[in-house]
Structures are given as C-alpha cells and as structure tokens.
Amino acid sequence: MSCRVYVGHLPYSARERDVEKFFRGFGRLKEVNLKNGFCFVEFEDARDADDAVYEMNGREMLGERVIVEHSRGPGPRGRSSYGGGGGGYGGGGGGGGGGGYRPYNRG
C-alpha cells in the first residue's frame, strides 16, 4: 500500500504547518505537496498512512471537513487521477459524465 495520502476539500487558507499539525501523531511525514484546495502527504511508513486515512477522513481542519484517502497515483500525462476530464461534444447514447470527485471505494 502506498505511503502517499490525498487530502481533499482543504481550506484555501491552509498552510504546510497546518497539514503537519493535522497529521501529528501518525508518524513522520516525508513530504507535504500543498495545492489550492487539496494536498498530497507522503508518510515514511505505509502503516502510518493507513492509520491516518482511517482516523482522519471526515475530520475538520480549519473549519472545513476534509477528505483523507490513499492517493491513486498519477493519471495520464502525469496528471492526478482526481477531478475532471470527460470530453467530446454532444452525440450519442446515455450516461456520460466526466469530471467531478468520485470517492475511492475500497472493498
């Protein structure tokens, strides 16, 4: 299992030290890659990442309920597999949809 964790719905005011404080007690962090509204956190030990996902998903950080789950790794052309996509114009059959957040379902 990966040591990298995705944190979504992160408040825009969050700083690296806020993320470090949020995960205090879950082992040593190797890296915090902070973006606007989300971040990736890499733990030194995969078991610590597992514990953090289990314990911290749905908790509040700076007044916002955050999503904490295992990172799915880079998508096509190095982009994250979170968010968007979907494409094309008009046309054919039903169901479509691209884009948006879809929770990861372990099971």
C-alpha atoms as a PDB file:
ATOM      1  CA  MET A   1       0.000   0.000   0.000  1.00  0.00           C
ATOM      2  CA  SER A   2       1.176   3.477  -0.787  1.00  0.00           C
ATOM      3  CA  CYS A   3       2.606   5.888   1.742  1.00  0.00           C
ATOM      4  CA  ARG A   4       1.022   8.792  -0.138  1.00  0.00           C
ATOM      5  CA  VAL A   5      -2.295  10.257   1.029  1.00  0.00           C
ATOM      6  CA  TYR A   6      -4.680  12.637  -0.745  1.00  0.00           C
ATOM      7  CA  VAL A   7      -6.370  15.349   1.322  1.00  0.00           C
ATOM      8  CA  GLY A   8      -9.345  16.985  -0.396  1.00  0.00           C
ATOM      9  CA  HIS A   9     -11.662  19.877   0.474  1.00  0.00           C
ATOM     10  CA  LEU A  10      -8.690  21.529   2.115  1.00  0.00           C
ATOM     11  CA  PRO A  11      -9.357  25.127   3.159  1.00  0.00           C
ATOM     12  CA  TYR A  12      -7.608  27.601   0.854  1.00  0.00           C
ATOM     13  CA  SER A  13      -6.099  29.247   3.929  1.00  0.00           C
ATOM     14  CA  ALA A  14      -4.318  26.012   4.951  1.00  0.00           C
ATOM     15  CA  ARG A  15      -0.543  26.110   5.141  1.00  0.00           C
ATOM     16  CA  GLU A  16       2.000  23.315   5.268  1.00  0.00           C
ATOM     17  CA  ARG A  17       2.317  23.629   9.036  1.00  0.00           C
ATOM     18  CA  ASP A  18      -1.489  23.216   9.381  1.00  0.00           C
ATOM     19  CA  VAL A  19      -1.311  19.944   7.473  1.00  0.00           C
ATOM     20  CA  GLU A  20       1.652  18.771   9.548  1.00  0.00           C
ATOM     21  CA  LYS A  21      -0.239  19.601  12.738  1.00  0.00           C
ATOM     22  CA  PHE A  22      -3.372  17.813  11.453  1.00  0.00           C
ATOM     23  CA  PHE A  23      -1.406  14.587  10.959  1.00  0.00           C
ATOM     24  CA  ARG A  24       0.688  14.877  14.141  1.00  0.00           C
ATOM     25  CA  GLY A  25       0.736  11.555  15.913  1.00  0.00           C
ATOM     26  CA  PHE A  26       0.572   9.459  12.744  1.00  0.00           C
ATOM     27  CA  GLY A  27       4.272   9.032  12.150  1.00  0.00           C
ATOM     28  CA  ARG A  28       6.907  11.011  10.339  1.00  0.00           C
ATOM     29  CA  LEU A  29       5.957  12.898   7.166  1.00  0.00           C
ATOM     30  CA  LYS A  30       8.375  12.849   4.243  1.00  0.00           C
ATOM     31  CA  GLU A  31       6.653  15.488   2.134  1.00  0.00           C
ATOM     32  CA  VAL A  32       3.629  17.775   2.010  1.00  0.00           C
ATOM     33  CA  ASN A  33       2.691  18.887  -1.512  1.00  0.00           C
ATOM     34  CA  LEU A  34       0.169  21.687  -0.978  1.00  0.00           C
ATOM     35  CA  LYS A  35      -2.138  22.864  -3.773  1.00  0.00           C
ATOM     36  CA  ASN A  36      -5.219  25.118  -3.824  1.00  0.00           C
ATOM     37  CA  GLY A  37      -7.952  23.168  -2.071  1.00  0.00           C
ATOM     38  CA  PHE A  38      -6.087  19.860  -1.764  1.00  0.00           C
ATOM     39  CA  CYS A  39      -2.720  18.354  -0.982  1.00  0.00           C
ATOM     40  CA  PHE A  40      -0.710  15.159  -1.019  1.00  0.00           C
ATOM     41  CA  VAL A  41       1.066  13.962   2.097  1.00  0.00           C
ATOM     42  CA  GLU A  42       3.752  11.298   1.993  1.00  0.00           C
ATOM     43  CA  PHE A  43       4.425   9.267   5.127  1.00  0.00           C
ATOM     44  CA  GLU A  44       7.639   7.375   5.804  1.00  0.00           C
ATOM     45  CA  ASP A  45       5.667   4.245   6.740  1.00  0.00           C
ATOM     46  CA  ALA A  46       2.634   2.849   4.871  1.00  0.00           C
ATOM     47  CA  ARG A  47       1.052   1.721   8.155  1.00  0.00           C
ATOM     48  CA  ASP A  48       1.048   5.321   9.376  1.00  0.00           C
ATOM     49  CA  ALA A  49      -0.652   6.382   6.147  1.00  0.00           C
ATOM     50  CA  ASP A  50      -3.291   3.660   6.649  1.00  0.00           C
ATOM     51  CA  ASP A  51      -3.934   4.838  10.204  1.00  0.00           C
ATOM     52  CA  ALA A  52      -4.206   8.476   9.105  1.00  0.00           C
ATOM     53  CA  VAL A  53      -6.717   7.634   6.355  1.00  0.00           C
ATOM     54  CA  TYR A  54      -8.824   5.583   8.757  1.00  0.00           C
ATOM     55  CA  GLU A  55      -8.769   8.112  11.612  1.00  0.00           C
ATOM     56  CA  MET A  56      -8.759  11.479   9.834  1.00  0.00           C
ATOM     57  CA  ASN A  57     -11.162  11.093   6.908  1.00  0.00           C
ATOM     58  CA  GLY A  58     -14.129  13.388   7.545  1.00  0.00           C
ATOM     59  CA  ARG A  59     -12.436  15.346  10.330  1.00  0.00           C
ATOM     60  CA  GLU A  60     -12.337  19.130  10.386  1.00  0.00           C
ATOM     61  CA  MET A  61      -9.292  21.183   9.535  1.00  0.00           C
ATOM     62  CA  LEU A  62      -9.601  24.950   9.952  1.00  0.00           C
ATOM     63  CA  GLY A  63     -13.393  24.680   9.936  1.00  0.00           C
ATOM     64  CA  GLU A  64     -13.688  22.504   6.799  1.00  0.00           C
ATOM     65  CA  ARG A  65     -14.476  18.794   6.738  1.00  0.00           C
ATOM     66  CA  VAL A  66     -11.662  17.219   4.728  1.00  0.00           C
ATOM     67  CA  ILE A  67     -11.424  14.018   2.731  1.00  0.00           C
ATOM     68  CA  VAL A  68      -8.429  11.832   3.508  1.00  0.00           C
ATOM     69  CA  GLU A  69      -7.763   8.788   1.338  1.00  0.00           C
ATOM     70  CA  HIS A  70      -4.937   6.864  -0.239  1.00  0.00           C
ATOM     71  CA  SER A  71      -3.519   8.530  -3.322  1.00  0.00           C
ATOM     72  CA  ARG A  72      -4.258   6.778  -6.582  1.00  0.00           C
ATOM     73  CA  GLY A  73      -1.062   7.960  -8.192  1.00  0.00           C
ATOM     74  CA  PRO A  74      -0.524   9.987 -11.337  1.00  0.00           C
ATOM     75  CA  GLY A  75      -3.017   9.741 -14.134  1.00  0.00           C
ATOM     76  CA  PRO A  76      -2.386  10.137 -17.851  1.00  0.00           C
ATOM     77  CA  ARG A  77       0.399  12.522 -18.774  1.00  0.00           C
ATOM     78  CA  GLY A  78       1.437  12.849 -15.158  1.00  0.00           C
ATOM     79  CA  ARG A  79      -1.803  14.429 -14.011  1.00  0.00           C
ATOM     80  CA  SER A  80      -3.526  13.351 -10.843  1.00  0.00           C
ATOM     81  CA  SER A  81      -6.434  10.972 -11.245  1.00  0.00           C
ATOM     82  CA  TYR A  82      -8.626  13.285  -9.176  1.00  0.00           C
ATOM     83  CA  GLY A  83     -11.112  15.501 -10.846  1.00  0.00           C
ATOM     84  CA  GLY A  84     -12.081  16.217 -14.320  1.00  0.00           C
ATOM     85  CA  GLY A  85     -11.949  15.004 -17.734  1.00  0.00           C
ATOM     86  CA  GLY A  86     -14.791  13.858 -19.734  1.00  0.00           C
ATOM     87  CA  GLY A  87     -14.927  15.041 -23.121  1.00  0.00           C
ATOM     88  CA  GLY A  88     -16.183  15.402 -26.538  1.00  0.00           C
ATOM     89  CA  TYR A  89     -19.081  17.298 -27.890  1.00  0.00           C
ATOM     90  CA  GLY A  90     -22.664  16.154 -27.992  1.00  0.00           C
ATOM     91  CA  GLY A  91     -23.537  12.936 -29.632  1.00  0.00           C
ATOM     92  CA  GLY A  92     -24.673   9.517 -28.789  1.00  0.00           C
ATOM     93  CA  GLY A  93     -26.145   7.457 -26.099  1.00  0.00           C
ATOM     94  CA  GLY A  94     -26.676   7.927 -22.496  1.00  0.00           C
ATOM     95  CA  GLY A  95     -24.865   8.097 -19.337  1.00  0.00           C
ATOM     96  CA  GLY A  96     -21.980  10.199 -19.553  1.00  0.00           C
ATOM     97  CA  GLY A  97     -20.236  12.266 -17.479  1.00  0.00           C
ATOM     98  CA  GLY A  98     -16.898  13.272 -16.765  1.00  0.00           C
ATOM     99  CA  GLY A  99     -15.436  15.215 -14.080  1.00  0.00           C
ATOM    100  CA  GLY A 100     -16.164  15.678 -10.511  1.00  0.00           C
ATOM    101  CA  TYR A 101     -14.910  13.920  -7.481  1.00  0.00           C
ATOM    102  CA  ARG A 102     -15.715  10.278  -7.056  1.00  0.00           C
ATOM    103  CA  PRO A 103     -14.855   8.722  -3.709  1.00  0.00           C
ATOM    104  CA  TYR A 104     -12.497   5.793  -3.733  1.00  0.00           C
ATOM    105  CA  ASN A 105     -14.282   2.633  -2.714  1.00  0.00           C
ATOM    106  CA  ARG A 106     -12.052   0.066  -1.032  1.00  0.00           C
ATOM    107  CA  GLY A 107     -13.880  -3.147  -0.953  1.00  0.00           C
END
